[in-house]
């Protein structure tokens, strides 16, 4: 009987939805659930299939050295760092992603971060327990410039939302092209020039060796001191030390950060302490209908795998060698 390991550090009721729904569609498989490193490491050698997030593989410090039976990894996200970059992942393992389902949730998360920064919502929240009636002028999104770094499915959903707020929208991409919602496209080689135009710098680019710390000291030096950063991409895209220095020296106005170099964000990380920084817990794509969004891809790929017809899989990021 084929065995599926669901390795997720999510609330148990969410993980249970995956187990129940996949179990109903595929009664011919055995499903095991692991929510911690010890259980996942013990179960992985038995698994033919693995359902997980790349970030959770990193968080659990879980490699593939003992995954001798493993033939397929289905990532529950778009980013595959933590999976395909693991040196112990064997050549015969196919890796697929959930590319294409994150446009709505992550673009809404980006808008939420931008609005919260512009209106200083955290300041209101801090005032509430004190019953203090403080007021200040909001910074409108209207007529401001959003510079979106990384133009894929999520950016294509975000740009029209920004336009609905009356913003000017610039995309920065390794492959600039005309797309609805963008007023202008700039190549990644002109990143520094692009960020100088930003009132809101939004990061959506995938993490890779090429994008490691691309948002660093030079970028922060080029930004307006009134500009805000929103990162719903990956923590490794930003040089956190340079960001902390930029915040301390007030080179930028603030940041909404959903992703970090180390997750969970350590309690002693200085980013917790800035009043103009909003820390969210990698919530960008995590929404009330995420399982519904995921299931069509999961069921199609599962059926293809069980039938031995890997060509029918979608979002294949790493075919078996």
C-alpha atoms as a PDB file:
ATOM      1  CA  UNK A   1       0.000   0.000   0.000  1.00  0.00           C
ATOM      2  CA  UNK A   2       1.491   3.404  -0.964  1.00  0.00           C
ATOM      3  CA  UNK A   3       2.224   5.585   2.031  1.00  0.00           C
ATOM      4  CA  UNK A   4       1.785   9.351   2.239  1.00  0.00           C
ATOM      5  CA  UNK A   5       3.460  11.381   4.971  1.00  0.00           C
ATOM      6  CA  UNK A   6       1.855  14.736   5.740  1.00  0.00           C
ATOM      7  CA  UNK A   7       4.558  16.716   7.566  1.00  0.00           C
ATOM      8  CA  UNK A   8       2.984  20.016   8.589  1.00  0.00           C
ATOM      9  CA  UNK A   9       3.468  22.271  11.599  1.00  0.00           C
ATOM     10  CA  UNK A  10       0.000  23.744  11.175  1.00  0.00           C
ATOM     11  CA  UNK A  11      -2.976  23.826  13.572  1.00  0.00           C
ATOM     12  CA  UNK A  12      -4.179  20.207  13.922  1.00  0.00           C
ATOM     13  CA  UNK A  13      -7.630  20.954  12.501  1.00  0.00           C
ATOM     14  CA  UNK A  14      -6.052  22.269   9.285  1.00  0.00           C
ATOM     15  CA  UNK A  15      -3.729  19.285   8.876  1.00  0.00           C
ATOM     16  CA  UNK A  16      -6.673  16.976   9.556  1.00  0.00           C
ATOM     17  CA  UNK A  17      -8.536  18.476   6.592  1.00  0.00           C
ATOM     18  CA  UNK A  18      -5.776  17.307   4.250  1.00  0.00           C
ATOM     19  CA  UNK A  19      -5.745  13.837   5.794  1.00  0.00           C
ATOM     20  CA  UNK A  20      -9.515  13.395   5.656  1.00  0.00           C
ATOM     21  CA  UNK A  21     -10.061  14.804   2.195  1.00  0.00           C
ATOM     22  CA  UNK A  22      -7.189  12.920   0.574  1.00  0.00           C
ATOM     23  CA  UNK A  23      -8.187   9.761   2.433  1.00  0.00           C
ATOM     24  CA  UNK A  24     -11.731   9.953   1.059  1.00  0.00           C
ATOM     25  CA  UNK A  25     -10.546  10.375  -2.534  1.00  0.00           C
ATOM     26  CA  UNK A  26      -7.713   7.839  -2.273  1.00  0.00           C
ATOM     27  CA  UNK A  27      -8.721   5.033   0.123  1.00  0.00           C
ATOM     28  CA  UNK A  28      -5.983   2.854  -1.367  1.00  0.00           C
ATOM     29  CA  UNK A  29      -3.196   4.826   0.367  1.00  0.00           C
ATOM     30  CA  UNK A  30      -2.011   4.846   3.967  1.00  0.00           C
ATOM     31  CA  UNK A  31      -1.672   8.341   5.430  1.00  0.00           C
ATOM     32  CA  UNK A  32       0.563   9.301   8.324  1.00  0.00           C
ATOM     33  CA  UNK A  33       0.679  12.769   9.897  1.00  0.00           C
ATOM     34  CA  UNK A  34       3.704  14.327  11.610  1.00  0.00           C
ATOM     35  CA  UNK A  35       3.710  17.742  13.292  1.00  0.00           C
ATOM     36  CA  UNK A  36       7.189  17.696  14.836  1.00  0.00           C
ATOM     37  CA  UNK A  37      10.713  16.784  13.840  1.00  0.00           C
ATOM     38  CA  UNK A  38      10.940  13.578  15.848  1.00  0.00           C
ATOM     39  CA  UNK A  39       7.794  12.046  14.360  1.00  0.00           C
ATOM     40  CA  UNK A  40       8.577  13.271  10.838  1.00  0.00           C
ATOM     41  CA  UNK A  41      12.132  11.874  10.938  1.00  0.00           C
ATOM     42  CA  UNK A  42      10.821   8.537  12.193  1.00  0.00           C
ATOM     43  CA  UNK A  43       8.065   8.325   9.540  1.00  0.00           C
ATOM     44  CA  UNK A  44       9.946   9.609   6.485  1.00  0.00           C
ATOM     45  CA  UNK A  45      11.790   6.325   5.714  1.00  0.00           C
ATOM     46  CA  UNK A  46       8.375   4.631   5.291  1.00  0.00           C
ATOM     47  CA  UNK A  47       6.921   7.246   2.957  1.00  0.00           C
ATOM     48  CA  UNK A  48       6.505   6.936  -0.805  1.00  0.00           C
ATOM     49  CA  UNK A  49       4.991  10.430  -0.944  1.00  0.00           C
ATOM     50  CA  UNK A  50       5.480  13.568   1.128  1.00  0.00           C
ATOM     51  CA  UNK A  51       3.147  16.539   1.522  1.00  0.00           C
ATOM     52  CA  UNK A  52       4.831  19.509   3.200  1.00  0.00           C
ATOM     53  CA  UNK A  53       6.039  23.111   2.936  1.00  0.00           C
ATOM     54  CA  UNK A  54       9.646  23.890   2.069  1.00  0.00           C
ATOM     55  CA  UNK A  55       9.813  26.366   4.939  1.00  0.00           C
ATOM     56  CA  UNK A  56       8.615  23.675   7.347  1.00  0.00           C
ATOM     57  CA  UNK A  57      11.332  21.313   6.141  1.00  0.00           C
ATOM     58  CA  UNK A  58      13.816  24.065   7.030  1.00  0.00           C
ATOM     59  CA  UNK A  59      12.113  24.755  10.356  1.00  0.00           C
ATOM     60  CA  UNK A  60      12.129  21.065  11.264  1.00  0.00           C
ATOM     61  CA  UNK A  61      15.742  20.705  10.024  1.00  0.00           C
ATOM     62  CA  UNK A  62      14.545  17.612   8.209  1.00  0.00           C
ATOM     63  CA  UNK A  63      16.643  16.185   5.375  1.00  0.00           C
ATOM     64  CA  UNK A  64      16.071  13.327   2.968  1.00  0.00           C
ATOM     65  CA  UNK A  65      19.074  11.133   3.802  1.00  0.00           C
ATOM     66  CA  UNK A  66      16.905   8.269   5.108  1.00  0.00           C
ATOM     67  CA  UNK A  67      14.003   8.731   2.671  1.00  0.00           C
ATOM     68  CA  UNK A  68      14.935   5.688   0.595  1.00  0.00           C
ATOM     69  CA  UNK A  69      11.369   4.920  -0.549  1.00  0.00           C
ATOM     70  CA  UNK A  70      10.410   8.498  -1.355  1.00  0.00           C
ATOM     71  CA  UNK A  71       9.421   9.108  -4.990  1.00  0.00           C
ATOM     72  CA  UNK A  72       7.353  12.295  -4.882  1.00  0.00           C
ATOM     73  CA  UNK A  73       7.242  15.495  -2.809  1.00  0.00           C
ATOM     74  CA  UNK A  74       4.202  17.750  -3.165  1.00  0.00           C
ATOM     75  CA  UNK A  75       4.953  21.192  -1.747  1.00  0.00           C
ATOM     76  CA  UNK A  76       1.980  23.060  -0.331  1.00  0.00           C
ATOM     77  CA  UNK A  77       3.473  26.369  -1.415  1.00  0.00           C
ATOM     78  CA  UNK A  78       5.045  27.931  -4.475  1.00  0.00           C
ATOM     79  CA  UNK A  79       8.543  28.365  -3.059  1.00  0.00           C
ATOM     80  CA  UNK A  80      10.581  25.163  -3.068  1.00  0.00           C
ATOM     81  CA  UNK A  81      13.582  26.275  -1.018  1.00  0.00           C
ATOM     82  CA  UNK A  82      13.952  23.774   1.780  1.00  0.00           C
ATOM     83  CA  UNK A  83      13.138  20.924  -0.630  1.00  0.00           C
ATOM     84  CA  UNK A  84      14.920  21.139  -3.990  1.00  0.00           C
ATOM     85  CA  UNK A  85      18.015  22.729  -2.471  1.00  0.00           C
ATOM     86  CA  UNK A  86      18.543  19.864  -0.025  1.00  0.00           C
ATOM     87  CA  UNK A  87      21.665  17.921  -1.021  1.00  0.00           C
ATOM     88  CA  UNK A  88      20.184  14.674   0.324  1.00  0.00           C
ATOM     89  CA  UNK A  89      17.174  14.771  -2.040  1.00  0.00           C
ATOM     90  CA  UNK A  90      17.679  11.817  -4.350  1.00  0.00           C
ATOM     91  CA  UNK A  91      17.603  12.151  -8.169  1.00  0.00           C
ATOM     92  CA  UNK A  92      14.609   9.819  -8.503  1.00  0.00           C
ATOM     93  CA  UNK A  93      12.260  12.085  -6.524  1.00  0.00           C
ATOM     94  CA  UNK A  94       9.716  14.220  -8.378  1.00  0.00           C
ATOM     95  CA  UNK A  95       8.861  17.583  -6.786  1.00  0.00           C
ATOM     96  CA  UNK A  96       5.669  19.499  -7.529  1.00  0.00           C
ATOM     97  CA  UNK A  97       4.342  22.792  -6.197  1.00  0.00           C
ATOM     98  CA  UNK A  98       1.058  24.663  -5.733  1.00  0.00           C
ATOM     99  CA  UNK A  99       2.050  27.363  -8.196  1.00  0.00           C
ATOM    100  CA  UNK A 100      -0.933  29.450  -9.273  1.00  0.00           C
ATOM    101  CA  UNK A 101      -3.150  29.396  -6.164  1.00  0.00           C
ATOM    102  CA  UNK A 102      -1.588  32.234  -4.163  1.00  0.00           C
ATOM    103  CA  UNK A 103      -2.665  35.252  -6.198  1.00  0.00           C
ATOM    104  CA  UNK A 104      -5.664  36.192  -4.072  1.00  0.00           C
ATOM    105  CA  UNK A 105      -4.405  35.461  -0.534  1.00  0.00           C
ATOM    106  CA  UNK A 106      -0.878  36.850  -0.859  1.00  0.00           C
ATOM    107  CA  UNK A 107      -1.904  39.938  -2.821  1.00  0.00           C
ATOM    108  CA  UNK A 108      -4.483  40.691  -0.111  1.00  0.00           C
ATOM    109  CA  UNK A 109      -1.793  40.213   2.534  1.00  0.00           C
ATOM    110  CA  UNK A 110       0.398  42.720   0.696  1.00  0.00           C
ATOM    111  CA  UNK A 111      -2.433  45.271   0.544  1.00  0.00           C
ATOM    112  CA  UNK A 112      -3.123  44.703   4.256  1.00  0.00           C
ATOM    113  CA  UNK A 113       0.522  45.403   5.079  1.00  0.00           C
ATOM    114  CA  UNK A 114       0.619  48.522   2.925  1.00  0.00           C
ATOM    115  CA  UNK A 115      -2.569  49.939   4.452  1.00  0.00           C
ATOM    116  CA  UNK A 116      -1.517  49.080   8.009  1.00  0.00           C
ATOM    117  CA  UNK A 117       1.805  50.858   7.516  1.00  0.00           C
ATOM    118  CA  UNK A 118       0.305  53.880   5.766  1.00  0.00           C
ATOM    119  CA  UNK A 119      -2.337  54.375   8.467  1.00  0.00           C
ATOM    120  CA  UNK A 120      -0.103  53.253  11.345  1.00  0.00           C
ATOM    121  CA  UNK A 121      -2.664  50.719  12.526  1.00  0.00           C
ATOM    122  CA  UNK A 122      -0.245  49.267  15.146  1.00  0.00           C
ATOM    123  CA  UNK A 123      -0.239  52.652  16.875  1.00  0.00           C
ATOM    124  CA  UNK A 124      -4.013  52.487  17.232  1.00  0.00           C
ATOM    125  CA  UNK A 125      -3.710  48.968  18.646  1.00  0.00           C
ATOM    126  CA  UNK A 126      -1.125  50.135  21.194  1.00  0.00           C
ATOM    127  CA  UNK A 127      -3.399  53.011  22.218  1.00  0.00           C
ATOM    128  CA  UNK A 128      -6.495  50.889  22.743  1.00  0.00           C
ATOM    129  CA  UNK A 129      -5.557  49.199  26.048  1.00  0.00           C
ATOM    130  CA  UNK A 130      -4.634  52.665  27.392  1.00  0.00           C
ATOM    131  CA  UNK A 131      -7.959  54.125  26.169  1.00  0.00           C
ATOM    132  CA  UNK A 132      -5.952  56.935  24.634  1.00  0.00           C
ATOM    133  CA  UNK A 133      -7.607  59.035  21.891  1.00  0.00           C
ATOM    134  CA  UNK A 134      -4.571  59.945  19.763  1.00  0.00           C
ATOM    135  CA  UNK A 135      -5.008  61.098  16.151  1.00  0.00           C
ATOM    136  CA  UNK A 136      -2.682  61.666  13.192  1.00  0.00           C
ATOM    137  CA  UNK A 137      -3.068  62.088   9.417  1.00  0.00           C
ATOM    138  CA  UNK A 138      -3.090  58.878   7.409  1.00  0.00           C
ATOM    139  CA  UNK A 139      -0.777  58.473   4.438  1.00  0.00           C
ATOM    140  CA  UNK A 140      -2.961  57.627   1.450  1.00  0.00           C
ATOM    141  CA  UNK A 141      -2.133  54.943  -1.069  1.00  0.00           C
ATOM    142  CA  UNK A 142      -3.742  57.084  -3.735  1.00  0.00           C
ATOM    143  CA  UNK A 143      -1.192  58.744  -6.040  1.00  0.00           C
ATOM    144  CA  UNK A 144       1.667  56.826  -4.387  1.00  0.00           C
ATOM    145  CA  UNK A 145       4.018  54.488  -6.262  1.00  0.00           C
ATOM    146  CA  UNK A 146       4.155  50.762  -5.568  1.00  0.00           C
ATOM    147  CA  UNK A 147       7.295  49.020  -6.809  1.00  0.00           C
ATOM    148  CA  UNK A 148       6.730  45.261  -6.974  1.00  0.00           C
ATOM    149  CA  UNK A 149       9.880  43.134  -7.126  1.00  0.00           C
ATOM    150  CA  UNK A 150       9.118  39.790  -8.723  1.00  0.00           C
ATOM    151  CA  UNK A 151       6.383  39.645 -11.354  1.00  0.00           C
ATOM    152  CA  UNK A 152       4.527  36.355 -11.337  1.00  0.00           C
ATOM    153  CA  UNK A 153       1.025  35.122 -10.512  1.00  0.00           C
ATOM    154  CA  UNK A 154       0.829  37.043  -7.218  1.00  0.00           C
ATOM    155  CA  UNK A 155       2.109  40.290  -8.717  1.00  0.00           C
ATOM    156  CA  UNK A 156      -0.407  39.946 -11.538  1.00  0.00           C
ATOM    157  CA  UNK A 157      -3.144  39.806  -8.880  1.00  0.00           C
ATOM    158  CA  UNK A 158      -1.657  42.599  -6.771  1.00  0.00           C
ATOM    159  CA  UNK A 159      -1.053  45.203  -9.483  1.00  0.00           C
ATOM    160  CA  UNK A 160      -4.751  45.736 -10.359  1.00  0.00           C
ATOM    161  CA  UNK A 161      -5.580  45.992  -6.646  1.00  0.00           C
ATOM    162  CA  UNK A 162      -2.968  48.739  -6.313  1.00  0.00           C
ATOM    163  CA  UNK A 163      -4.450  50.481  -9.345  1.00  0.00           C
ATOM    164  CA  UNK A 164      -7.890  50.328  -7.687  1.00  0.00           C
ATOM    165  CA  UNK A 165      -6.389  52.446  -4.882  1.00  0.00           C
ATOM    166  CA  UNK A 166      -5.158  54.940  -7.473  1.00  0.00           C
ATOM    167  CA  UNK A 167      -1.504  53.969  -7.236  1.00  0.00           C
ATOM    168  CA  UNK A 168       1.215  54.106  -9.844  1.00  0.00           C
ATOM    169  CA  UNK A 169       2.588  50.558 -10.260  1.00  0.00           C
ATOM    170  CA  UNK A 170       6.085  49.578 -11.378  1.00  0.00           C
ATOM    171  CA  UNK A 171       7.160  45.971 -11.797  1.00  0.00           C
ATOM    172  CA  UNK A 172      10.759  44.812 -11.460  1.00  0.00           C
ATOM    173  CA  UNK A 173      11.400  41.511 -13.180  1.00  0.00           C
ATOM    174  CA  UNK A 174      14.135  39.413 -14.722  1.00  0.00           C
ATOM    175  CA  UNK A 175      11.737  39.131 -17.696  1.00  0.00           C
ATOM    176  CA  UNK A 176       9.970  42.497 -18.106  1.00  0.00           C
ATOM    177  CA  UNK A 177       6.748  42.285 -20.121  1.00  0.00           C
ATOM    178  CA  UNK A 178       3.500  44.179 -20.549  1.00  0.00           C
ATOM    179  CA  UNK A 179       0.839  43.117 -18.062  1.00  0.00           C
ATOM    180  CA  UNK A 180      -2.493  44.585 -16.929  1.00  0.00           C
ATOM    181  CA  UNK A 181      -2.202  46.819 -13.865  1.00  0.00           C
ATOM    182  CA  UNK A 182       1.420  47.837 -14.415  1.00  0.00           C
ATOM    183  CA  UNK A 183       2.298  51.337 -15.559  1.00  0.00           C
ATOM    184  CA  UNK A 184       5.909  50.425 -16.156  1.00  0.00           C
ATOM    185  CA  UNK A 185       8.290  47.489 -16.124  1.00  0.00           C
ATOM    186  CA  UNK A 186      11.966  47.664 -15.222  1.00  0.00           C
ATOM    187  CA  UNK A 187      14.618  44.927 -15.421  1.00  0.00           C
ATOM    188  CA  UNK A 188      16.104  43.459 -12.260  1.00  0.00           C
ATOM    189  CA  UNK A 189      19.402  45.033 -13.281  1.00  0.00           C
ATOM    190  CA  UNK A 190      17.784  48.423 -12.550  1.00  0.00           C
ATOM    191  CA  UNK A 191      16.561  47.452  -9.091  1.00  0.00           C
ATOM    192  CA  UNK A 192      18.318  50.336  -7.325  1.00  0.00           C
ATOM    193  CA  UNK A 193      16.844  52.884  -9.729  1.00  0.00           C
ATOM    194  CA  UNK A 194      13.385  51.342  -9.305  1.00  0.00           C
ATOM    195  CA  UNK A 195      13.342  51.366  -5.512  1.00  0.00           C
ATOM    196  CA  UNK A 196      14.240  55.061  -5.510  1.00  0.00           C
ATOM    197  CA  UNK A 197      10.784  55.662  -7.022  1.00  0.00           C
ATOM    198  CA  UNK A 198       8.902  53.611  -4.431  1.00  0.00           C
ATOM    199  CA  UNK A 199       6.560  54.818  -1.739  1.00  0.00           C
ATOM    200  CA  UNK A 200       5.787  51.146  -1.100  1.00  0.00           C
ATOM    201  CA  UNK A 201       8.348  48.476  -1.996  1.00  0.00           C
ATOM    202  CA  UNK A 202       6.643  45.075  -2.176  1.00  0.00           C
ATOM    203  CA  UNK A 203       8.700  41.884  -2.417  1.00  0.00           C
ATOM    204  CA  UNK A 204       7.250  38.895  -4.245  1.00  0.00           C
ATOM    205  CA  UNK A 205      10.321  37.375  -5.874  1.00  0.00           C
ATOM    206  CA  UNK A 206      11.090  33.696  -5.171  1.00  0.00           C
ATOM    207  CA  UNK A 207      14.123  32.865  -3.074  1.00  0.00           C
ATOM    208  CA  UNK A 208      17.142  31.450  -4.902  1.00  0.00           C
ATOM    209  CA  UNK A 209      20.907  31.960  -4.859  1.00  0.00           C
ATOM    210  CA  UNK A 210      20.333  34.771  -7.377  1.00  0.00           C
ATOM    211  CA  UNK A 211      17.881  36.599  -5.082  1.00  0.00           C
ATOM    212  CA  UNK A 212      19.706  35.974  -1.790  1.00  0.00           C
ATOM    213  CA  UNK A 213      19.886  39.324   0.051  1.00  0.00           C
ATOM    214  CA  UNK A 214      19.101  41.325  -3.105  1.00  0.00           C
ATOM    215  CA  UNK A 215      17.370  43.791  -0.781  1.00  0.00           C
ATOM    216  CA  UNK A 216      20.384  45.005   1.160  1.00  0.00           C
ATOM    217  CA  UNK A 217      22.236  48.131   2.203  1.00  0.00           C
ATOM    218  CA  UNK A 218      22.444  49.575  -1.330  1.00  0.00           C
ATOM    219  CA  UNK A 219      18.714  49.212  -1.819  1.00  0.00           C
ATOM    220  CA  UNK A 220      17.861  50.781   1.550  1.00  0.00           C
ATOM    221  CA  UNK A 221      20.244  53.644   0.813  1.00  0.00           C
ATOM    222  CA  UNK A 222      18.426  54.259  -2.483  1.00  0.00           C
ATOM    223  CA  UNK A 223      14.927  54.271  -0.947  1.00  0.00           C
ATOM    224  CA  UNK A 224      13.090  57.399   0.142  1.00  0.00           C
ATOM    225  CA  UNK A 225      13.111  57.869   3.944  1.00  0.00           C
ATOM    226  CA  UNK A 226       9.300  58.054   3.669  1.00  0.00           C
ATOM    227  CA  UNK A 227       9.039  54.691   1.871  1.00  0.00           C
ATOM    228  CA  UNK A 228       7.726  51.450   3.355  1.00  0.00           C
ATOM    229  CA  UNK A 229       8.835  47.846   2.756  1.00  0.00           C
ATOM    230  CA  UNK A 230       6.381  44.938   2.583  1.00  0.00           C
ATOM    231  CA  UNK A 231       7.914  41.455   2.333  1.00  0.00           C
ATOM    232  CA  UNK A 232       5.596  38.551   1.546  1.00  0.00           C
ATOM    233  CA  UNK A 233       8.242  36.682  -0.483  1.00  0.00           C
ATOM    234  CA  UNK A 234      10.965  34.893   1.501  1.00  0.00           C
ATOM    235  CA  UNK A 235      13.105  36.046   4.396  1.00  0.00           C
ATOM    236  CA  UNK A 236      16.348  35.301   2.576  1.00  0.00           C
ATOM    237  CA  UNK A 237      15.562  37.887  -0.090  1.00  0.00           C
ATOM    238  CA  UNK A 238      16.251  40.612   2.509  1.00  0.00           C
ATOM    239  CA  UNK A 239      19.529  41.180   4.326  1.00  0.00           C
ATOM    240  CA  UNK A 240      18.026  41.392   7.829  1.00  0.00           C
ATOM    241  CA  UNK A 241      21.099  43.034   9.329  1.00  0.00           C
ATOM    242  CA  UNK A 242      20.952  45.787   6.714  1.00  0.00           C
ATOM    243  CA  UNK A 243      17.207  46.176   7.293  1.00  0.00           C
ATOM    244  CA  UNK A 244      17.671  46.520  11.054  1.00  0.00           C
ATOM    245  CA  UNK A 245      20.360  49.145  10.480  1.00  0.00           C
ATOM    246  CA  UNK A 246      18.127  51.027   8.024  1.00  0.00           C
ATOM    247  CA  UNK A 247      15.274  51.038  10.540  1.00  0.00           C
ATOM    248  CA  UNK A 248      17.516  52.195  13.377  1.00  0.00           C
ATOM    249  CA  UNK A 249      18.899  55.017  11.257  1.00  0.00           C
ATOM    250  CA  UNK A 250      15.409  55.898   9.946  1.00  0.00           C
ATOM    251  CA  UNK A 251      16.450  55.419   6.329  1.00  0.00           C
ATOM    252  CA  UNK A 252      13.003  53.949   5.634  1.00  0.00           C
ATOM    253  CA  UNK A 253       9.647  54.696   7.263  1.00  0.00           C
ATOM    254  CA  UNK A 254       8.769  51.154   8.321  1.00  0.00           C
ATOM    255  CA  UNK A 255       8.191  47.577   7.230  1.00  0.00           C
ATOM    256  CA  UNK A 256       5.519  44.890   7.153  1.00  0.00           C
ATOM    257  CA  UNK A 257       7.324  41.557   7.363  1.00  0.00           C
ATOM    258  CA  UNK A 258       5.659  38.181   6.928  1.00  0.00           C
ATOM    259  CA  UNK A 259       8.790  36.110   6.275  1.00  0.00           C
ATOM    260  CA  UNK A 260      12.207  35.894   7.925  1.00  0.00           C
ATOM    261  CA  UNK A 261      15.636  34.286   7.663  1.00  0.00           C
ATOM    262  CA  UNK A 262      14.820  32.096  10.676  1.00  0.00           C
ATOM    263  CA  UNK A 263      11.253  31.040  11.415  1.00  0.00           C
ATOM    264  CA  UNK A 264       9.727  31.224  13.926  1.00  0.00           C
ATOM    265  CA  UNK A 265      11.378  34.624  14.403  1.00  0.00           C
ATOM    266  CA  UNK A 266      13.611  34.285  17.492  1.00  0.00           C
ATOM    267  CA  UNK A 267      12.441  36.225  20.541  1.00  0.00           C
ATOM    268  CA  UNK A 268      15.719  38.151  20.700  1.00  0.00           C
ATOM    269  CA  UNK A 269      15.523  39.383  17.095  1.00  0.00           C
ATOM    270  CA  UNK A 270      15.498  43.224  17.100  1.00  0.00           C
ATOM    271  CA  UNK A 271      12.729  43.308  14.496  1.00  0.00           C
ATOM    272  CA  UNK A 272      10.219  42.564  17.265  1.00  0.00           C
ATOM    273  CA  UNK A 273      11.058  45.831  19.003  1.00  0.00           C
ATOM    274  CA  UNK A 274      10.466  48.466  16.300  1.00  0.00           C
ATOM    275  CA  UNK A 275       7.156  50.297  16.592  1.00  0.00           C
ATOM    276  CA  UNK A 276       7.161  50.910  12.841  1.00  0.00           C
ATOM    277  CA  UNK A 277       7.575  47.214  11.998  1.00  0.00           C
ATOM    278  CA  UNK A 278       4.627  44.846  11.644  1.00  0.00           C
ATOM    279  CA  UNK A 279       5.580  41.215  12.255  1.00  0.00           C
ATOM    280  CA  UNK A 280       3.209  38.550  10.942  1.00  0.00           C
ATOM    281  CA  UNK A 281       3.850  34.836  11.154  1.00  0.00           C
ATOM    282  CA  UNK A 282       4.264  33.701   7.518  1.00  0.00           C
ATOM    283  CA  UNK A 283       0.534  34.196   7.049  1.00  0.00           C
ATOM    284  CA  UNK A 284       0.599  35.563   3.496  1.00  0.00           C
ATOM    285  CA  UNK A 285      -1.027  32.608   1.753  1.00  0.00           C
ATOM    286  CA  UNK A 286      -2.556  30.964   4.831  1.00  0.00           C
ATOM    287  CA  UNK A 287      -6.277  31.593   4.463  1.00  0.00           C
ATOM    288  CA  UNK A 288      -9.674  30.091   5.231  1.00  0.00           C
ATOM    289  CA  UNK A 289     -10.014  28.402   1.810  1.00  0.00           C
ATOM    290  CA  UNK A 290      -6.406  27.269   1.331  1.00  0.00           C
ATOM    291  CA  UNK A 291      -7.318  23.580   1.430  1.00  0.00           C
ATOM    292  CA  UNK A 292     -10.004  24.208  -1.205  1.00  0.00           C
ATOM    293  CA  UNK A 293      -7.454  25.988  -3.394  1.00  0.00           C
ATOM    294  CA  UNK A 294      -4.939  23.170  -2.947  1.00  0.00           C
ATOM    295  CA  UNK A 295      -7.131  20.112  -3.475  1.00  0.00           C
ATOM    296  CA  UNK A 296      -7.532  20.210  -7.284  1.00  0.00           C
ATOM    297  CA  UNK A 297      -3.757  20.171  -7.744  1.00  0.00           C
ATOM    298  CA  UNK A 298      -3.190  17.641  -4.957  1.00  0.00           C
ATOM    299  CA  UNK A 299      -5.781  15.203  -6.304  1.00  0.00           C
ATOM    300  CA  UNK A 300      -4.602  15.485  -9.901  1.00  0.00           C
ATOM    301  CA  UNK A 301      -0.981  14.903  -8.979  1.00  0.00           C
ATOM    302  CA  UNK A 302      -1.842  12.094  -6.567  1.00  0.00           C
ATOM    303  CA  UNK A 303      -3.883  10.269  -9.209  1.00  0.00           C
ATOM    304  CA  UNK A 304      -1.104  10.687 -11.772  1.00  0.00           C
ATOM    305  CA  UNK A 305       1.478   9.373  -9.310  1.00  0.00           C
ATOM    306  CA  UNK A 306      -0.603   6.361  -8.278  1.00  0.00           C
ATOM    307  CA  UNK A 307      -1.331   5.538 -11.935  1.00  0.00           C
ATOM    308  CA  UNK A 308       2.352   5.793 -12.774  1.00  0.00           C
ATOM    309  CA  UNK A 309       1.604   8.529 -15.287  1.00  0.00           C
ATOM    310  CA  UNK A 310       3.921  11.309 -14.095  1.00  0.00           C
ATOM    311  CA  UNK A 311       3.441  13.245 -17.326  1.00  0.00           C
ATOM    312  CA  UNK A 312      -0.057  14.150 -16.137  1.00  0.00           C
ATOM    313  CA  UNK A 313       1.311  15.952 -13.087  1.00  0.00           C
ATOM    314  CA  UNK A 314       1.104  19.739 -12.987  1.00  0.00           C
ATOM    315  CA  UNK A 315       3.572  22.245 -11.503  1.00  0.00           C
ATOM    316  CA  UNK A 316       6.485  19.848 -11.845  1.00  0.00           C
ATOM    317  CA  UNK A 317       9.479  21.793 -10.587  1.00  0.00           C
ATOM    318  CA  UNK A 318      11.882  18.856 -10.448  1.00  0.00           C
ATOM    319  CA  UNK A 319      11.206  15.787 -12.566  1.00  0.00           C
ATOM    320  CA  UNK A 320      12.665  12.474 -11.507  1.00  0.00           C
ATOM    321  CA  UNK A 321      16.046  11.893 -13.100  1.00  0.00           C
END
